[in-house]
N, C-alpha and C. Protein backbone atom coordinates (compact mmCIF):
# COMPACT_ATOMS: atom_id res chain seq x y z
N MET A 1 40.88 -0.11 2.95
CA MET A 1 42.03 0.60 3.44
C MET A 1 42.04 0.52 4.96
N GLY A 2 43.09 0.01 5.52
CA GLY A 2 43.14 -0.14 6.95
C GLY A 2 44.09 0.84 7.61
N LEU A 3 43.68 2.05 7.70
CA LEU A 3 44.49 3.11 8.29
C LEU A 3 44.56 2.88 9.79
N PHE A 4 45.74 2.83 10.36
CA PHE A 4 45.98 2.61 11.81
C PHE A 4 45.41 1.29 12.27
N GLY A 5 45.29 0.31 11.42
CA GLY A 5 44.85 -1.01 11.80
C GLY A 5 43.33 -1.16 11.88
N PHE A 6 42.59 -0.14 11.57
CA PHE A 6 41.13 -0.27 11.56
C PHE A 6 40.68 -1.09 10.35
N GLY A 7 39.78 -1.99 10.56
CA GLY A 7 39.23 -2.78 9.44
C GLY A 7 39.95 -4.09 9.26
N LYS A 8 41.16 -4.25 9.82
CA LYS A 8 41.86 -5.51 9.64
C LYS A 8 41.20 -6.64 10.40
N LYS A 9 40.68 -6.35 11.61
CA LYS A 9 40.06 -7.41 12.39
C LYS A 9 38.81 -7.95 11.70
N LYS A 10 38.03 -7.05 11.09
CA LYS A 10 36.84 -7.48 10.43
C LYS A 10 37.16 -8.46 9.28
N LYS A 11 38.18 -8.13 8.54
CA LYS A 11 38.54 -8.99 7.41
C LYS A 11 38.99 -10.35 7.91
N GLU A 12 39.72 -10.39 9.02
CA GLU A 12 40.20 -11.64 9.55
C GLU A 12 39.02 -12.45 10.11
N GLU A 13 38.02 -11.78 10.73
CA GLU A 13 36.87 -12.47 11.26
C GLU A 13 35.99 -13.06 10.13
N GLU A 14 35.92 -12.36 9.00
CA GLU A 14 35.12 -12.86 7.88
C GLU A 14 35.76 -14.12 7.30
N LYS A 15 37.08 -14.18 7.30
CA LYS A 15 37.75 -15.36 6.76
C LYS A 15 37.52 -16.58 7.67
N THR A 16 37.52 -16.36 8.98
CA THR A 16 37.37 -17.50 9.92
C THR A 16 35.92 -17.85 10.17
N LYS A 17 34.99 -17.01 9.78
CA LYS A 17 33.57 -17.23 10.02
C LYS A 17 33.08 -18.36 9.10
N PRO A 18 32.35 -19.35 9.64
CA PRO A 18 31.88 -20.45 8.79
C PRO A 18 30.78 -19.93 7.85
N ALA A 19 30.74 -20.46 6.65
CA ALA A 19 29.75 -20.08 5.65
C ALA A 19 28.36 -20.57 6.05
N GLU A 20 27.33 -19.76 5.80
CA GLU A 20 25.96 -20.18 6.12
C GLU A 20 25.45 -21.08 5.02
N THR A 21 24.63 -22.01 5.46
CA THR A 21 24.04 -22.92 4.45
C THR A 21 22.80 -22.24 3.86
N VAL A 22 22.35 -22.79 2.74
CA VAL A 22 21.18 -22.22 2.07
C VAL A 22 19.93 -22.34 2.93
N GLY A 23 19.76 -23.41 3.66
CA GLY A 23 18.58 -23.64 4.48
C GLY A 23 18.44 -22.56 5.58
N GLU A 24 19.54 -22.11 6.15
CA GLU A 24 19.51 -21.10 7.19
C GLU A 24 19.06 -19.76 6.61
N LYS A 25 19.50 -19.43 5.44
CA LYS A 25 19.07 -18.15 4.84
C LYS A 25 17.58 -18.12 4.56
N ILE A 26 17.02 -19.21 4.14
CA ILE A 26 15.59 -19.24 3.86
C ILE A 26 14.76 -19.09 5.13
N GLU A 27 15.21 -19.68 6.21
CA GLU A 27 14.48 -19.55 7.48
C GLU A 27 14.51 -18.14 8.04
N THR A 28 15.61 -17.44 7.85
CA THR A 28 15.72 -16.10 8.44
C THR A 28 15.12 -15.04 7.54
N ALA A 29 14.85 -15.35 6.27
CA ALA A 29 14.31 -14.36 5.34
C ALA A 29 12.86 -14.08 5.69
N ALA A 30 12.42 -12.83 5.39
CA ALA A 30 11.04 -12.46 5.63
C ALA A 30 10.14 -13.17 4.61
N PRO A 31 8.93 -13.48 5.03
CA PRO A 31 8.03 -14.16 4.07
C PRO A 31 7.68 -13.27 2.89
N VAL A 32 7.71 -13.84 1.70
CA VAL A 32 7.41 -13.07 0.51
C VAL A 32 5.93 -13.16 0.23
N VAL A 33 5.32 -11.99 0.03
CA VAL A 33 3.89 -11.93 -0.26
C VAL A 33 3.75 -11.94 -1.77
N LYS A 34 3.03 -12.96 -2.27
CA LYS A 34 2.85 -13.07 -3.69
C LYS A 34 1.46 -12.54 -4.05
N LEU A 35 1.41 -11.64 -4.98
CA LEU A 35 0.13 -11.11 -5.44
C LEU A 35 -0.46 -12.10 -6.45
N PRO A 36 -1.78 -12.19 -6.49
CA PRO A 36 -2.39 -13.12 -7.44
C PRO A 36 -2.17 -12.65 -8.86
N LYS A 37 -2.19 -13.60 -9.78
CA LYS A 37 -1.94 -13.27 -11.16
C LYS A 37 -3.28 -13.03 -11.87
N GLY A 38 -3.22 -12.43 -13.04
CA GLY A 38 -4.43 -12.23 -13.83
C GLY A 38 -5.14 -10.97 -13.44
N GLU A 39 -6.45 -11.03 -13.41
CA GLU A 39 -7.30 -9.86 -13.16
C GLU A 39 -7.15 -9.35 -11.74
N ASP A 40 -6.89 -10.23 -10.77
CA ASP A 40 -6.73 -9.73 -9.39
C ASP A 40 -5.48 -8.88 -9.25
N ALA A 41 -4.43 -9.19 -9.98
CA ALA A 41 -3.23 -8.34 -9.93
C ALA A 41 -3.54 -6.95 -10.45
N HIS A 42 -4.38 -6.84 -11.47
CA HIS A 42 -4.79 -5.56 -11.98
C HIS A 42 -5.59 -4.79 -10.96
N SER A 43 -6.39 -5.50 -10.17
CA SER A 43 -7.17 -4.86 -9.10
C SER A 43 -6.24 -4.23 -8.05
N TYR A 44 -5.15 -4.92 -7.72
CA TYR A 44 -4.21 -4.39 -6.73
C TYR A 44 -3.48 -3.17 -7.31
N GLN A 45 -3.37 -3.06 -8.63
CA GLN A 45 -2.73 -1.89 -9.20
C GLN A 45 -3.69 -0.71 -9.25
N ILE A 46 -4.99 -0.94 -9.30
CA ILE A 46 -5.95 0.15 -9.31
C ILE A 46 -6.15 0.72 -7.92
N ILE A 47 -6.46 -0.17 -6.95
CA ILE A 47 -6.68 0.29 -5.59
C ILE A 47 -5.36 0.22 -4.84
N LEU A 48 -4.87 1.38 -4.44
CA LEU A 48 -3.55 1.42 -3.78
C LEU A 48 -3.65 1.06 -2.29
N ARG A 49 -4.65 1.65 -1.62
CA ARG A 49 -4.83 1.33 -0.18
C ARG A 49 -6.13 1.94 0.29
N PRO A 50 -6.72 1.41 1.36
CA PRO A 50 -7.86 2.08 1.96
C PRO A 50 -7.43 3.31 2.75
N LEU A 51 -8.26 4.34 2.72
CA LEU A 51 -7.95 5.55 3.47
C LEU A 51 -8.66 5.48 4.83
N ILE A 52 -7.92 5.53 5.89
CA ILE A 52 -8.45 5.50 7.23
C ILE A 52 -8.50 6.92 7.75
N THR A 53 -9.69 7.51 7.78
CA THR A 53 -9.84 8.87 8.27
C THR A 53 -11.03 8.91 9.25
N GLU A 54 -11.16 10.01 9.90
CA GLU A 54 -12.26 10.16 10.86
C GLU A 54 -13.59 10.20 10.10
N LYS A 55 -13.65 10.89 9.01
CA LYS A 55 -14.86 10.93 8.23
C LYS A 55 -15.19 9.57 7.65
N GLY A 56 -14.15 8.87 7.21
CA GLY A 56 -14.39 7.53 6.66
C GLY A 56 -14.92 6.56 7.71
N GLY A 57 -14.44 6.71 8.96
CA GLY A 57 -14.95 5.88 10.04
C GLY A 57 -16.43 6.14 10.31
N LEU A 58 -16.85 7.40 10.20
CA LEU A 58 -18.27 7.71 10.42
C LEU A 58 -19.12 7.20 9.27
N LEU A 59 -18.63 7.22 8.04
CA LEU A 59 -19.41 6.80 6.90
C LEU A 59 -19.49 5.28 6.74
N GLU A 60 -18.66 4.54 7.47
CA GLU A 60 -18.73 3.10 7.44
C GLU A 60 -20.06 2.55 7.92
N GLU A 61 -20.70 3.31 8.80
CA GLU A 61 -22.04 2.91 9.26
C GLU A 61 -23.07 2.89 8.13
N TYR A 62 -22.84 3.73 7.13
CA TYR A 62 -23.74 3.83 5.96
C TYR A 62 -23.29 2.98 4.80
N GLY A 63 -22.22 2.19 5.01
CA GLY A 63 -21.73 1.32 3.91
C GLY A 63 -20.87 2.02 2.92
N GLN A 64 -20.22 3.12 3.31
CA GLN A 64 -19.33 3.85 2.40
C GLN A 64 -17.91 3.72 2.88
N TYR A 65 -16.98 3.47 1.96
CA TYR A 65 -15.57 3.24 2.28
C TYR A 65 -14.72 4.10 1.37
N PHE A 66 -13.59 4.61 1.88
CA PHE A 66 -12.68 5.45 1.14
C PHE A 66 -11.48 4.63 0.70
N PHE A 67 -11.03 4.84 -0.55
CA PHE A 67 -9.85 4.19 -1.10
C PHE A 67 -9.00 5.17 -1.84
N LYS A 68 -7.69 5.02 -1.76
CA LYS A 68 -6.78 5.79 -2.59
C LYS A 68 -6.55 4.97 -3.85
N VAL A 69 -6.76 5.55 -5.03
CA VAL A 69 -6.68 4.84 -6.28
C VAL A 69 -5.71 5.54 -7.21
N THR A 70 -5.33 4.88 -8.30
CA THR A 70 -4.41 5.48 -9.25
C THR A 70 -5.10 6.63 -9.96
N LYS A 71 -4.33 7.55 -10.47
CA LYS A 71 -4.91 8.76 -11.10
C LYS A 71 -5.65 8.45 -12.40
N ASP A 72 -5.27 7.37 -13.09
CA ASP A 72 -5.92 7.09 -14.36
C ASP A 72 -7.08 6.08 -14.24
N ALA A 73 -7.49 5.72 -13.04
CA ALA A 73 -8.58 4.75 -12.86
C ALA A 73 -9.92 5.46 -13.00
N ASN A 74 -10.89 4.76 -13.58
CA ASN A 74 -12.21 5.32 -13.69
C ASN A 74 -13.17 4.57 -12.80
N LYS A 75 -14.44 5.01 -12.74
CA LYS A 75 -15.41 4.43 -11.81
C LYS A 75 -15.70 2.95 -12.06
N VAL A 76 -15.76 2.55 -13.31
CA VAL A 76 -16.04 1.17 -13.66
C VAL A 76 -14.90 0.26 -13.20
N GLU A 77 -13.66 0.67 -13.44
CA GLU A 77 -12.50 -0.14 -13.01
C GLU A 77 -12.43 -0.21 -11.49
N ILE A 78 -12.75 0.86 -10.79
CA ILE A 78 -12.73 0.88 -9.32
C ILE A 78 -13.76 -0.08 -8.80
N LYS A 79 -14.96 -0.05 -9.37
CA LYS A 79 -16.04 -0.93 -8.95
C LYS A 79 -15.67 -2.41 -9.09
N LYS A 80 -15.14 -2.76 -10.27
CA LYS A 80 -14.72 -4.17 -10.53
C LYS A 80 -13.64 -4.58 -9.55
N ALA A 81 -12.65 -3.68 -9.30
CA ALA A 81 -11.56 -4.02 -8.42
C ALA A 81 -12.01 -4.26 -7.01
N VAL A 82 -12.88 -3.40 -6.47
CA VAL A 82 -13.36 -3.58 -5.12
C VAL A 82 -14.20 -4.84 -4.98
N GLU A 83 -15.01 -5.15 -5.97
CA GLU A 83 -15.81 -6.38 -5.95
C GLU A 83 -14.93 -7.61 -5.95
N LYS A 84 -13.84 -7.58 -6.70
CA LYS A 84 -12.93 -8.76 -6.75
C LYS A 84 -12.11 -8.92 -5.49
N LEU A 85 -11.58 -7.79 -4.98
CA LEU A 85 -10.69 -7.90 -3.82
C LEU A 85 -11.41 -8.20 -2.53
N TYR A 86 -12.55 -7.58 -2.31
CA TYR A 86 -13.26 -7.70 -1.04
C TYR A 86 -14.50 -8.58 -1.08
N LYS A 87 -14.84 -9.13 -2.25
CA LYS A 87 -15.98 -10.03 -2.42
C LYS A 87 -17.27 -9.41 -1.92
N VAL A 88 -17.55 -8.19 -2.37
CA VAL A 88 -18.75 -7.49 -1.96
C VAL A 88 -19.45 -6.95 -3.27
N ARG A 89 -20.67 -6.49 -3.08
CA ARG A 89 -21.41 -5.89 -4.20
C ARG A 89 -21.40 -4.38 -4.03
N VAL A 90 -20.93 -3.68 -5.05
CA VAL A 90 -20.81 -2.22 -5.04
C VAL A 90 -22.05 -1.60 -5.66
N ASN A 91 -22.62 -0.64 -4.97
CA ASN A 91 -23.80 0.08 -5.47
C ASN A 91 -23.39 1.31 -6.25
N ARG A 92 -22.44 2.11 -5.71
CA ARG A 92 -22.11 3.36 -6.36
C ARG A 92 -20.64 3.70 -6.06
N VAL A 93 -20.01 4.42 -6.97
CA VAL A 93 -18.65 4.90 -6.77
C VAL A 93 -18.58 6.39 -7.08
N ASN A 94 -18.08 7.16 -6.16
CA ASN A 94 -17.83 8.56 -6.34
C ASN A 94 -16.33 8.79 -6.34
N VAL A 95 -15.83 9.64 -7.21
CA VAL A 95 -14.39 9.85 -7.36
C VAL A 95 -14.08 11.33 -7.14
N ILE A 96 -13.01 11.58 -6.36
CA ILE A 96 -12.59 12.94 -6.07
C ILE A 96 -11.08 12.98 -6.38
N SER A 97 -10.69 14.02 -7.17
CA SER A 97 -9.26 14.24 -7.44
C SER A 97 -8.77 15.26 -6.46
N MET A 98 -7.88 14.86 -5.58
CA MET A 98 -7.33 15.77 -4.57
C MET A 98 -6.15 16.50 -5.19
N PRO A 99 -6.15 17.85 -5.17
CA PRO A 99 -5.07 18.57 -5.85
C PRO A 99 -3.75 18.53 -5.07
N SER A 100 -2.69 18.81 -5.80
CA SER A 100 -1.37 18.88 -5.15
C SER A 100 -1.30 20.19 -4.38
N LYS A 101 -0.52 20.26 -3.31
CA LYS A 101 -0.42 21.44 -2.49
C LYS A 101 1.05 21.78 -2.22
N PHE A 102 1.34 23.06 -2.11
CA PHE A 102 2.67 23.49 -1.75
C PHE A 102 2.80 23.57 -0.24
N ARG A 103 3.89 23.08 0.27
CA ARG A 103 4.17 23.11 1.72
C ARG A 103 5.51 23.78 1.94
N ARG A 104 5.58 24.44 3.11
CA ARG A 104 6.82 25.15 3.43
C ARG A 104 7.16 24.92 4.87
N VAL A 105 8.42 24.58 5.12
CA VAL A 105 8.95 24.41 6.46
C VAL A 105 10.20 25.27 6.51
N GLY A 106 10.06 26.42 7.19
CA GLY A 106 11.17 27.36 7.25
C GLY A 106 11.47 27.90 5.87
N GLU A 107 12.71 27.76 5.43
CA GLU A 107 13.13 28.24 4.13
C GLU A 107 12.80 27.24 3.03
N HIS A 108 12.57 26.01 3.37
CA HIS A 108 12.44 24.95 2.39
C HIS A 108 11.00 24.83 1.92
N GLU A 109 10.87 24.82 0.60
CA GLU A 109 9.55 24.69 -0.04
C GLU A 109 9.50 23.33 -0.72
N GLY A 110 8.33 22.74 -0.73
CA GLY A 110 8.12 21.48 -1.38
C GLY A 110 6.71 21.37 -1.90
N LYS A 111 6.43 20.26 -2.54
CA LYS A 111 5.12 20.03 -3.11
C LYS A 111 4.59 18.71 -2.61
N LYS A 112 3.39 18.71 -2.06
CA LYS A 112 2.72 17.51 -1.61
C LYS A 112 1.91 16.99 -2.81
N LEU A 113 2.20 15.80 -3.23
CA LEU A 113 1.59 15.26 -4.45
C LEU A 113 0.08 15.09 -4.26
N GLY A 114 -0.66 15.30 -5.32
CA GLY A 114 -2.09 15.10 -5.32
C GLY A 114 -2.37 13.62 -5.54
N PHE A 115 -3.62 13.19 -5.32
CA PHE A 115 -4.01 11.84 -5.52
C PHE A 115 -5.50 11.75 -5.85
N LYS A 116 -5.93 10.59 -6.20
CA LYS A 116 -7.35 10.37 -6.52
C LYS A 116 -7.97 9.51 -5.42
N LYS A 117 -9.11 9.95 -4.93
CA LYS A 117 -9.77 9.26 -3.83
C LYS A 117 -11.13 8.75 -4.33
N ALA A 118 -11.48 7.54 -3.96
CA ALA A 118 -12.77 6.95 -4.37
C ALA A 118 -13.60 6.65 -3.13
N ILE A 119 -14.88 7.06 -3.17
CA ILE A 119 -15.81 6.74 -2.11
C ILE A 119 -16.74 5.66 -2.67
N VAL A 120 -16.64 4.46 -2.11
CA VAL A 120 -17.37 3.30 -2.61
C VAL A 120 -18.55 3.03 -1.68
N THR A 121 -19.76 3.01 -2.23
CA THR A 121 -20.96 2.67 -1.47
C THR A 121 -21.34 1.25 -1.77
N LEU A 122 -21.50 0.45 -0.74
CA LEU A 122 -21.85 -0.93 -0.89
C LEU A 122 -23.36 -1.14 -0.79
N LYS A 123 -23.85 -2.26 -1.33
CA LYS A 123 -25.24 -2.60 -1.20
C LYS A 123 -25.54 -3.04 0.24
N LYS A 124 -26.80 -2.92 0.67
CA LYS A 124 -27.18 -3.25 2.06
C LYS A 124 -26.80 -4.67 2.39
N GLY A 125 -26.25 -4.87 3.57
CA GLY A 125 -25.86 -6.18 4.03
C GLY A 125 -24.40 -6.50 3.80
N ASP A 126 -23.74 -5.79 2.87
CA ASP A 126 -22.32 -6.04 2.58
C ASP A 126 -21.46 -5.15 3.49
N LYS A 127 -20.30 -5.68 3.85
CA LYS A 127 -19.41 -4.96 4.76
C LYS A 127 -17.96 -5.32 4.43
N ILE A 128 -17.06 -4.38 4.58
CA ILE A 128 -15.63 -4.62 4.39
C ILE A 128 -14.96 -4.49 5.76
N GLU A 129 -14.17 -5.48 6.10
CA GLU A 129 -13.40 -5.46 7.36
C GLU A 129 -12.02 -4.86 7.06
N ILE A 130 -11.81 -3.61 7.45
CA ILE A 130 -10.50 -2.98 7.24
C ILE A 130 -9.86 -2.86 8.58
N ALA A 131 -8.64 -3.46 8.69
CA ALA A 131 -7.90 -3.40 9.95
C ALA A 131 -7.45 -1.97 10.19
N LYS A 132 -7.67 -1.47 11.42
CA LYS A 132 -7.29 -0.10 11.75
C LYS A 132 -6.13 -0.05 12.66
């Protein structure tokens, strides 16, 4: 609807604008990250992301790393996933279920979702390089 002539120029410009070729669209598109298939894809589903915290930074000296994992993952699955993704040997896995919390800002109330956190201890000599 072009009330008072607004929008008419855009339609005319679109008609006169030359069509882009397929090659130009591919060059300007962002690179697509493809996840590996098979068991590695399952590992990416179990381990959501590494947790970068102050405590986690201190425990890296002792070979312990924090990861946010899915709520239904168990210790055996977490161990296999970390070994496949980071090519390290895992010594021990500790799991903590972080509870959900209620938050309030002024009149508005909300709920901060809970999550499951895994503390993975590596064998001596192994290290994970996590970009900070």
